[in-house]
């Protein structure tokens, strides 16, 4: 089985994140890592490959030069090879442009039996790319899967909704997005880290994919951040002394003022 897993390099949530002057996320001046939700996609890709002898898993990522770390992490986890699409024109691209680049990259390496993504990225959180990707590839989509089972060319996925749980069946090829309920991602072993250094990692540009630079980037994005406001500094907490038994009333009044009760 030929499997492609889409991964994204995102700013570390624990770092001091900030925006550029054009209100795009600073992806160069902050530490980044493989999106946590995409780690679940990588894990599912590897589990499915392990159950289907002879399978190959390819990771695809888009972003500046540093974004290659996301692809390397996927290789360390066990992915067979990776593709990194890097081009200055990509900066500021939204979900529409991202899905276009991913689709063309997938077509270039050959449309696989299964395309797997995370349920969303931890920096944007739109959950739009999987659906757009399935449309561009002309493949059915199965999204927000919490349990995935495969048998031959058949796939079954459980999707948990607010009011009910659905079980969806489909015939490969499909685009599949998975949630963080599918099982803990594996940690790269020392052996995996060393082996990743010898695995193929192809770097492609927009011209390699036949994508016009005018189709991507901030200038043609359907959505944009108009303004940002820095988070205010933390203030000292309020201490309520319960010397005369009025502490409980003061606490209740504070919670009520904040609409917690």
Protein backbone atom coordinates (compact mmCIF):
# COMPACT_ATOMS: atom_id res chain seq x y z
CA UNK A 1 0.00 0.00 0.00
CA UNK A 2 1.26 3.46 -0.92
CA UNK A 3 0.54 5.98 1.85
CA UNK A 4 1.16 9.73 2.00
CA UNK A 5 1.00 11.59 5.31
CA UNK A 6 0.87 15.40 5.32
CA UNK A 7 2.80 17.06 8.15
CA UNK A 8 3.27 20.67 9.19
CA UNK A 9 6.02 22.55 10.99
CA UNK A 10 4.42 24.89 13.56
CA UNK A 11 5.69 27.35 16.19
CA UNK A 12 6.28 25.75 19.58
CA UNK A 13 3.24 26.54 21.75
CA UNK A 14 5.51 26.98 24.77
CA UNK A 15 7.74 29.53 23.00
CA UNK A 16 7.30 33.29 22.83
CA UNK A 17 5.24 33.36 19.65
CA UNK A 18 4.64 36.55 17.72
CA UNK A 19 3.46 37.99 14.41
CA UNK A 20 5.44 39.61 11.63
CA UNK A 21 4.78 43.20 10.51
CA UNK A 22 2.35 41.87 7.86
CA UNK A 23 0.38 40.00 10.59
CA UNK A 24 1.59 36.58 9.49
CA UNK A 25 2.97 34.15 12.05
CA UNK A 26 6.71 34.42 12.68
CA UNK A 27 8.03 31.02 11.57
CA UNK A 28 11.71 31.93 11.49
CA UNK A 29 12.43 33.73 14.76
CA UNK A 30 10.77 31.12 16.98
CA UNK A 31 11.41 27.46 17.72
CA UNK A 32 9.24 25.11 15.69
CA UNK A 33 8.30 21.46 15.71
CA UNK A 34 6.11 18.87 14.03
CA UNK A 35 2.49 19.74 14.78
CA UNK A 36 1.33 17.54 17.65
CA UNK A 37 -1.89 16.61 15.85
CA UNK A 38 0.11 15.53 12.80
CA UNK A 39 2.06 13.09 14.96
CA UNK A 40 -1.17 11.09 15.27
CA UNK A 41 -1.45 11.05 11.47
CA UNK A 42 2.10 9.73 11.19
CA UNK A 43 1.38 7.06 13.79
CA UNK A 44 -1.72 5.86 11.94
CA UNK A 45 0.16 5.80 8.65
CA UNK A 46 2.86 3.64 10.22
CA UNK A 47 0.38 1.30 11.89
CA UNK A 48 -1.50 0.75 8.63
CA UNK A 49 1.77 0.18 6.78
CA UNK A 50 2.89 -2.38 9.36
CA UNK A 51 -0.35 -4.31 8.84
CA UNK A 52 0.05 -4.31 5.06
CA UNK A 53 3.34 -5.89 4.03
CA UNK A 54 5.25 -4.06 1.33
CA UNK A 55 3.67 -0.69 2.12
CA UNK A 56 5.59 2.58 1.77
CA UNK A 57 4.91 5.80 3.68
CA UNK A 58 5.91 9.23 2.34
CA UNK A 59 5.70 12.41 4.43
CA UNK A 60 5.07 15.76 2.71
CA UNK A 61 5.59 19.14 4.35
CA UNK A 62 5.47 22.75 3.13
CA UNK A 63 7.31 25.74 4.55
CA UNK A 64 10.59 27.63 4.85
CA UNK A 65 13.91 25.83 5.17
CA UNK A 66 13.44 25.19 8.90
CA UNK A 67 10.16 23.37 8.21
CA UNK A 68 12.19 20.39 7.06
CA UNK A 69 12.48 19.46 10.74
CA UNK A 70 8.86 18.26 10.60
CA UNK A 71 9.73 15.90 7.76
CA UNK A 72 12.83 14.70 9.62
CA UNK A 73 10.75 13.94 12.72
CA UNK A 74 8.39 11.85 10.60
CA UNK A 75 11.38 9.99 9.13
CA UNK A 76 12.71 9.35 12.64
CA UNK A 77 9.35 7.93 13.66
CA UNK A 78 9.55 5.42 10.82
CA UNK A 79 8.33 7.02 7.60
CA UNK A 80 10.21 5.69 4.55
CA UNK A 81 10.86 8.94 2.67
CA UNK A 82 9.88 12.60 2.70
CA UNK A 83 9.24 15.57 0.42
CA UNK A 84 9.75 19.19 1.47
CA UNK A 85 8.21 21.94 -0.66
CA UNK A 86 10.04 25.21 -0.03
CA UNK A 87 9.66 28.49 -1.94
CA UNK A 88 9.71 32.12 -0.82
CA UNK A 89 6.40 32.72 -2.60
CA UNK A 90 4.59 30.33 -0.25
CA UNK A 91 4.86 32.66 2.77
CA UNK A 92 1.44 33.76 4.03
CA UNK A 93 -0.49 31.08 2.12
CA UNK A 94 -3.90 30.12 3.49
CA UNK A 95 -5.68 26.75 3.46
CA UNK A 96 -6.72 27.16 -0.19
CA UNK A 97 -3.15 27.62 -1.40
CA UNK A 98 -1.80 25.00 1.00
CA UNK A 99 -4.19 22.39 -0.36
CA UNK A 100 -3.17 23.31 -3.91
CA UNK A 101 0.54 22.84 -3.17
CA UNK A 102 -0.05 19.58 -1.30
CA UNK A 103 -2.24 18.22 -4.09
CA UNK A 104 0.34 19.00 -6.78
CA UNK A 105 3.13 17.51 -4.67
CA UNK A 106 1.11 14.33 -4.22
CA UNK A 107 0.35 14.15 -7.93
CA UNK A 108 4.04 14.54 -8.74
CA UNK A 109 5.06 11.54 -6.65
CA UNK A 110 1.97 9.58 -7.73
CA UNK A 111 -1.50 9.60 -6.16
CA UNK A 112 -1.35 7.00 -3.37
CA UNK A 113 -3.86 4.53 -1.98
CA UNK A 114 -4.26 6.59 1.17
CA UNK A 115 -3.60 10.21 2.14
CA UNK A 116 -3.58 10.85 5.88
CA UNK A 117 -3.64 14.18 7.69
CA UNK A 118 -4.13 15.38 11.23
CA UNK A 119 -7.55 16.77 12.19
CA UNK A 120 -6.11 20.33 12.16
CA UNK A 121 -2.85 22.17 12.60
CA UNK A 122 -2.05 23.53 16.04
CA UNK A 123 -1.20 27.01 14.70
CA UNK A 124 -4.19 27.64 12.40
CA UNK A 125 -6.77 25.09 13.52
CA UNK A 126 -9.10 25.49 10.53
CA UNK A 127 -9.51 21.76 9.69
CA UNK A 128 -10.14 22.82 6.08
CA UNK A 129 -7.15 21.36 4.25
CA UNK A 130 -8.25 17.67 4.27
CA UNK A 131 -11.56 18.47 2.56
CA UNK A 132 -9.92 20.80 0.04
CA UNK A 133 -7.23 18.23 -0.64
CA UNK A 134 -9.78 15.49 -1.36
CA UNK A 135 -11.56 17.81 -3.81
CA UNK A 136 -8.33 18.67 -5.64
CA UNK A 137 -7.29 15.02 -5.84
CA UNK A 138 -10.76 13.83 -6.81
CA UNK A 139 -10.83 11.39 -3.88
CA UNK A 140 -13.52 10.74 -1.26
CA UNK A 141 -12.81 11.98 2.25
CA UNK A 142 -13.23 10.38 5.67
CA UNK A 143 -12.57 12.99 8.34
CA UNK A 144 -12.12 13.21 12.12
CA UNK A 145 -11.56 9.48 12.55
CA UNK A 146 -10.91 8.35 16.13
CA UNK A 147 -10.49 4.66 15.23
CA UNK A 148 -9.20 3.37 11.90
CA UNK A 149 -9.31 -0.19 10.53
CA UNK A 150 -8.19 -1.43 7.13
CA UNK A 151 -8.67 -4.71 5.30
CA UNK A 152 -7.46 -4.97 1.74
CA UNK A 153 -8.80 -1.97 -0.13
CA UNK A 154 -11.47 -1.30 2.48
CA UNK A 155 -11.25 1.18 5.32
CA UNK A 156 -13.54 1.66 8.31
CA UNK A 157 -13.38 4.69 10.58
CA UNK A 158 -15.23 5.64 13.74
CA UNK A 159 -16.10 9.31 14.04
CA UNK A 160 -17.32 10.73 17.35
CA UNK A 161 -19.81 13.59 17.09
CA UNK A 162 -21.55 15.71 19.70
CA UNK A 163 -24.70 13.60 19.70
CA UNK A 164 -23.67 10.28 18.14
CA UNK A 165 -20.84 8.07 16.93
CA UNK A 166 -20.66 7.15 13.25
CA UNK A 167 -18.88 4.23 11.59
CA UNK A 168 -17.93 5.06 8.02
CA UNK A 169 -16.73 2.63 5.38
CA UNK A 170 -14.92 3.50 2.18
CA UNK A 171 -12.93 1.92 -0.62
CA UNK A 172 -9.38 3.11 -1.23
CA UNK A 173 -8.07 5.49 -2.40
CA UNK A 174 -9.32 8.08 0.13
CA UNK A 175 -8.19 11.13 2.07
CA UNK A 176 -8.35 10.43 5.80
CA UNK A 177 -7.97 12.85 8.71
CA UNK A 178 -7.49 11.48 12.22
CA UNK A 179 -8.00 12.91 15.69
CA UNK A 180 -5.86 12.77 18.81
CA UNK A 181 -7.98 9.85 20.05
CA UNK A 182 -6.44 7.34 17.65
CA UNK A 183 -3.58 6.33 19.96
CA UNK A 184 -0.39 7.84 21.32
CA UNK A 185 2.28 8.50 18.67
CA UNK A 186 5.51 6.57 19.06
CA UNK A 187 8.75 8.24 20.15
CA UNK A 188 11.65 8.10 17.72
CA UNK A 189 14.14 5.49 18.89
CA UNK A 190 17.90 5.99 18.67
CA UNK A 191 17.94 3.46 15.85
CA UNK A 192 15.16 5.37 14.08
CA UNK A 193 16.99 8.69 14.47
CA UNK A 194 20.17 7.28 12.96
CA UNK A 195 18.30 5.48 10.16
CA UNK A 196 16.45 8.69 9.22
CA UNK A 197 19.73 10.30 8.15
CA UNK A 198 19.98 7.83 5.26
CA UNK A 199 16.38 8.02 4.09
CA UNK A 200 15.42 9.98 0.95
CA UNK A 201 14.34 13.59 1.53
CA UNK A 202 13.46 15.40 -1.70
CA UNK A 203 13.27 19.21 -1.84
CA UNK A 204 10.88 20.71 -4.40
CA UNK A 205 9.99 24.26 -5.44
CA UNK A 206 6.74 25.61 -6.86
CA UNK A 207 8.20 25.45 -10.37
CA UNK A 208 8.96 21.76 -9.85
CA UNK A 209 5.24 21.25 -9.15
CA UNK A 210 4.04 23.45 -11.98
CA UNK A 211 2.37 25.86 -9.55
CA UNK A 212 2.34 29.55 -10.48
CA UNK A 213 3.69 31.72 -7.66
CA UNK A 214 0.74 34.05 -8.26
CA UNK A 215 -1.62 31.34 -6.99
CA UNK A 216 -0.13 31.24 -3.49
CA UNK A 217 1.09 33.59 -0.80
CA UNK A 218 -0.42 36.32 1.34
CA UNK A 219 -1.46 38.57 -1.56
CA UNK A 220 -4.01 36.04 -2.88
CA UNK A 221 -5.08 34.52 0.45
CA UNK A 222 -8.83 34.29 0.97
CA UNK A 223 -8.35 35.03 4.67
CA UNK A 224 -5.97 37.37 6.49
CA UNK A 225 -5.31 38.69 9.98
CA UNK A 226 -6.08 42.42 9.92
CA UNK A 227 -4.60 43.38 13.28
CA UNK A 228 -3.07 41.87 16.41
CA UNK A 229 -2.79 42.94 20.03
CA UNK A 230 -0.05 41.77 22.34
CA UNK A 231 -1.19 39.80 25.36
CA UNK A 232 -1.25 42.09 28.43
CA UNK A 233 1.25 41.28 31.17
CA UNK A 234 0.03 39.17 34.04
CA UNK A 235 -1.13 41.14 37.07
CA UNK A 236 -0.79 40.22 40.71
CA UNK A 237 -3.66 38.20 42.12
CA UNK A 238 -6.09 39.54 44.69
CA UNK A 239 -5.72 38.20 48.24
CA UNK A 240 -8.92 37.86 50.28
CA UNK A 241 -8.41 37.62 54.03
CA UNK A 242 -11.04 35.69 55.94
CA UNK A 243 -10.57 37.29 59.32
CA UNK A 244 -14.25 37.89 60.11
CA UNK A 245 -15.87 35.07 58.15
CA UNK A 246 -16.56 37.19 55.08
CA UNK A 247 -14.06 35.41 52.88
CA UNK A 248 -16.60 33.04 51.32
CA UNK A 249 -18.91 35.92 50.40
CA UNK A 250 -16.01 37.88 48.90
CA UNK A 251 -14.93 34.85 46.86
CA UNK A 252 -18.49 34.27 45.63
CA UNK A 253 -18.76 37.94 44.67
CA UNK A 254 -15.50 37.77 42.70
CA UNK A 255 -16.61 34.65 40.80
CA UNK A 256 -19.97 36.23 40.07
CA UNK A 257 -18.32 39.38 38.73
CA UNK A 258 -16.34 37.25 36.28
CA UNK A 259 -19.50 35.30 35.36
CA UNK A 260 -18.03 32.03 36.60
CA UNK A 261 -21.13 31.44 38.73
